Amino acid sequence: MQVYYSGKSCSSPTSTVSASNIKILSPKSMVLNSFYFQLLILTLLLKVILFTLLMIFDLYSFLLCLTDRSYIKFWHNI
C-alpha cells in the first residue's frame, strides 16, 4: 500500500504528514468503482443485447419470407 502526500510518495517513517492530506489508493478500487468504467460496461452490454435482438428479428423475418406463399406468388407475378 502506498501513501501519497501532496502528489509525492512518503515512504520514510520519519516524515510527518497530517491526516487530512493522506489518500490511500488501491488500483483495483479505482478501476472497478469508477463511474466511467461502469458506464462503459453498461453500454457494451446494451450494444450486445440490441445486436442479438436485431439478429433474431432479422433471421425470423427472413424465414417468414421464405415460408410465405403469397410473398413468393407476388414476386412471380411481376
C-alpha atoms as a PDB file:
ATOM      1  CA  MET A   1       0.000   0.000   0.000  1.00  0.00           C
ATOM      2  CA  GLN A   2       1.357   3.443  -0.954  1.00  0.00           C
ATOM      3  CA  VAL A   3       0.600   6.633   0.904  1.00  0.00           C
ATOM      4  CA  TYR A   4       0.576   9.816  -1.156  1.00  0.00           C
ATOM      5  CA  TYR A   5       1.017  13.267   0.339  1.00  0.00           C
ATOM      6  CA  SER A   6       0.522  16.252  -1.972  1.00  0.00           C
ATOM      7  CA  GLY A   7       1.364  14.126  -5.002  1.00  0.00           C
ATOM      8  CA  LYS A   8       4.616  12.712  -3.541  1.00  0.00           C
ATOM      9  CA  SER A   9       5.174   9.264  -2.133  1.00  0.00           C
ATOM     10  CA  CYS A  10       6.044   9.222   1.568  1.00  0.00           C
ATOM     11  CA  SER A  11       7.951   6.060   2.315  1.00  0.00           C
ATOM     12  CA  SER A  12      10.236   7.163   5.165  1.00  0.00           C
ATOM     13  CA  PRO A  13       8.794   6.685   8.668  1.00  0.00           C
ATOM     14  CA  THR A  14      10.284   9.968   9.909  1.00  0.00           C
ATOM     15  CA  SER A  15       8.274  12.215   7.571  1.00  0.00           C
ATOM     16  CA  THR A  16       5.379  13.999   9.250  1.00  0.00           C
ATOM     17  CA  VAL A  17       2.093  14.212   7.376  1.00  0.00           C
ATOM     18  CA  SER A  18      -1.285  15.426   8.505  1.00  0.00           C
ATOM     19  CA  ALA A  19      -4.217  13.031   8.392  1.00  0.00           C
ATOM     20  CA  SER A  20      -6.333  15.334   6.218  1.00  0.00           C
ATOM     21  CA  ASN A  21      -3.916  15.173   3.269  1.00  0.00           C
ATOM     22  CA  ILE A  22      -3.406  11.398   3.126  1.00  0.00           C
ATOM     23  CA  LYS A  23      -5.032   9.405   0.351  1.00  0.00           C
ATOM     24  CA  ILE A  24      -4.753   5.642   0.256  1.00  0.00           C
ATOM     25  CA  LEU A  25      -5.095   4.493  -3.334  1.00  0.00           C
ATOM     26  CA  SER A  26      -5.608   0.935  -4.445  1.00  0.00           C
ATOM     27  CA  PRO A  27      -5.647   0.330  -8.209  1.00  0.00           C
ATOM     28  CA  LYS A  28      -8.452  -2.241  -8.066  1.00  0.00           C
ATOM     29  CA  SER A  29     -10.929   0.082  -6.361  1.00  0.00           C
ATOM     30  CA  MET A  30     -10.022   2.984  -8.640  1.00  0.00           C
ATOM     31  CA  VAL A  31     -10.785   0.969 -11.785  1.00  0.00           C
ATOM     32  CA  LEU A  32     -13.796  -1.097 -10.723  1.00  0.00           C
ATOM     33  CA  ASN A  33     -15.614   1.626  -8.813  1.00  0.00           C
ATOM     34  CA  SER A  34     -15.050   4.251 -11.467  1.00  0.00           C
ATOM     35  CA  PHE A  35     -18.240   5.742 -12.879  1.00  0.00           C
ATOM     36  CA  TYR A  36     -16.868   5.803 -16.421  1.00  0.00           C
ATOM     37  CA  PHE A  37     -15.807   2.162 -16.250  1.00  0.00           C
ATOM     38  CA  GLN A  38     -19.302   1.143 -15.134  1.00  0.00           C
ATOM     39  CA  LEU A  39     -20.795   3.288 -17.895  1.00  0.00           C
ATOM     40  CA  LEU A  40     -18.544   1.606 -20.454  1.00  0.00           C
ATOM     41  CA  ILE A  41     -19.556  -1.877 -19.305  1.00  0.00           C
ATOM     42  CA  LEU A  42     -23.236  -0.887 -19.338  1.00  0.00           C
ATOM     43  CA  THR A  43     -23.079   0.495 -22.881  1.00  0.00           C
ATOM     44  CA  LEU A  44     -21.201  -2.547 -24.156  1.00  0.00           C
ATOM     45  CA  LEU A  45     -23.776  -4.843 -22.590  1.00  0.00           C
ATOM     46  CA  LEU A  46     -26.604  -2.808 -24.102  1.00  0.00           C
ATOM     47  CA  LYS A  47     -24.983  -2.979 -27.550  1.00  0.00           C
ATOM     48  CA  VAL A  48     -24.620  -6.757 -27.313  1.00  0.00           C
ATOM     49  CA  ILE A  49     -28.268  -7.173 -26.287  1.00  0.00           C
ATOM     50  CA  LEU A  50     -29.540  -4.907 -29.066  1.00  0.00           C
ATOM     51  CA  PHE A  51     -27.355  -6.624 -31.663  1.00  0.00           C
ATOM     52  CA  THR A  52     -28.619 -10.043 -30.557  1.00  0.00           C
ATOM     53  CA  LEU A  53     -32.250  -8.931 -30.738  1.00  0.00           C
ATOM     54  CA  LEU A  54     -31.668  -7.443 -34.176  1.00  0.00           C
ATOM     55  CA  MET A  55     -30.129 -10.680 -35.454  1.00  0.00           C
ATOM     56  CA  ILE A  56     -33.010 -12.752 -34.065  1.00  0.00           C
ATOM     57  CA  PHE A  57     -35.582 -10.462 -35.665  1.00  0.00           C
ATOM     58  CA  ASP A  58     -33.695 -10.441 -38.961  1.00  0.00           C
ATOM     59  CA  LEU A  59     -33.479 -14.228 -39.068  1.00  0.00           C
ATOM     60  CA  TYR A  60     -37.155 -14.538 -38.133  1.00  0.00           C
ATOM     61  CA  SER A  61     -38.254 -12.140 -40.871  1.00  0.00           C
ATOM     62  CA  PHE A  62     -36.065 -13.936 -43.416  1.00  0.00           C
ATOM     63  CA  LEU A  63     -37.569 -17.316 -42.525  1.00  0.00           C
ATOM     64  CA  LEU A  64     -41.043 -15.813 -42.614  1.00  0.00           C
ATOM     65  CA  CYS A  65     -40.424 -14.531 -46.128  1.00  0.00           C
ATOM     66  CA  LEU A  66     -39.251 -17.953 -47.254  1.00  0.00           C
ATOM     67  CA  THR A  67     -42.348 -19.701 -45.986  1.00  0.00           C
ATOM     68  CA  ASP A  68     -44.888 -17.090 -47.057  1.00  0.00           C
ATOM     69  CA  ARG A  69     -46.580 -18.348 -50.237  1.00  0.00           C
ATOM     70  CA  SER A  70     -48.242 -15.058 -51.086  1.00  0.00           C
ATOM     71  CA  TYR A  71     -44.884 -13.337 -50.971  1.00  0.00           C
ATOM     72  CA  ILE A  72     -43.466 -15.867 -53.453  1.00  0.00           C
ATOM     73  CA  LYS A  73     -46.524 -15.554 -55.722  1.00  0.00           C
ATOM     74  CA  PHE A  74     -46.212 -11.780 -55.619  1.00  0.00           C
ATOM     75  CA  TRP A  75     -42.655 -11.894 -56.938  1.00  0.00           C
ATOM     76  CA  HIS A  76     -43.527 -14.476 -59.619  1.00  0.00           C
ATOM     77  CA  ASN A  77     -46.356 -12.292 -60.925  1.00  0.00           C
ATOM     78  CA  ILE A  78     -44.004  -9.368 -61.506  1.00  0.00           C
END
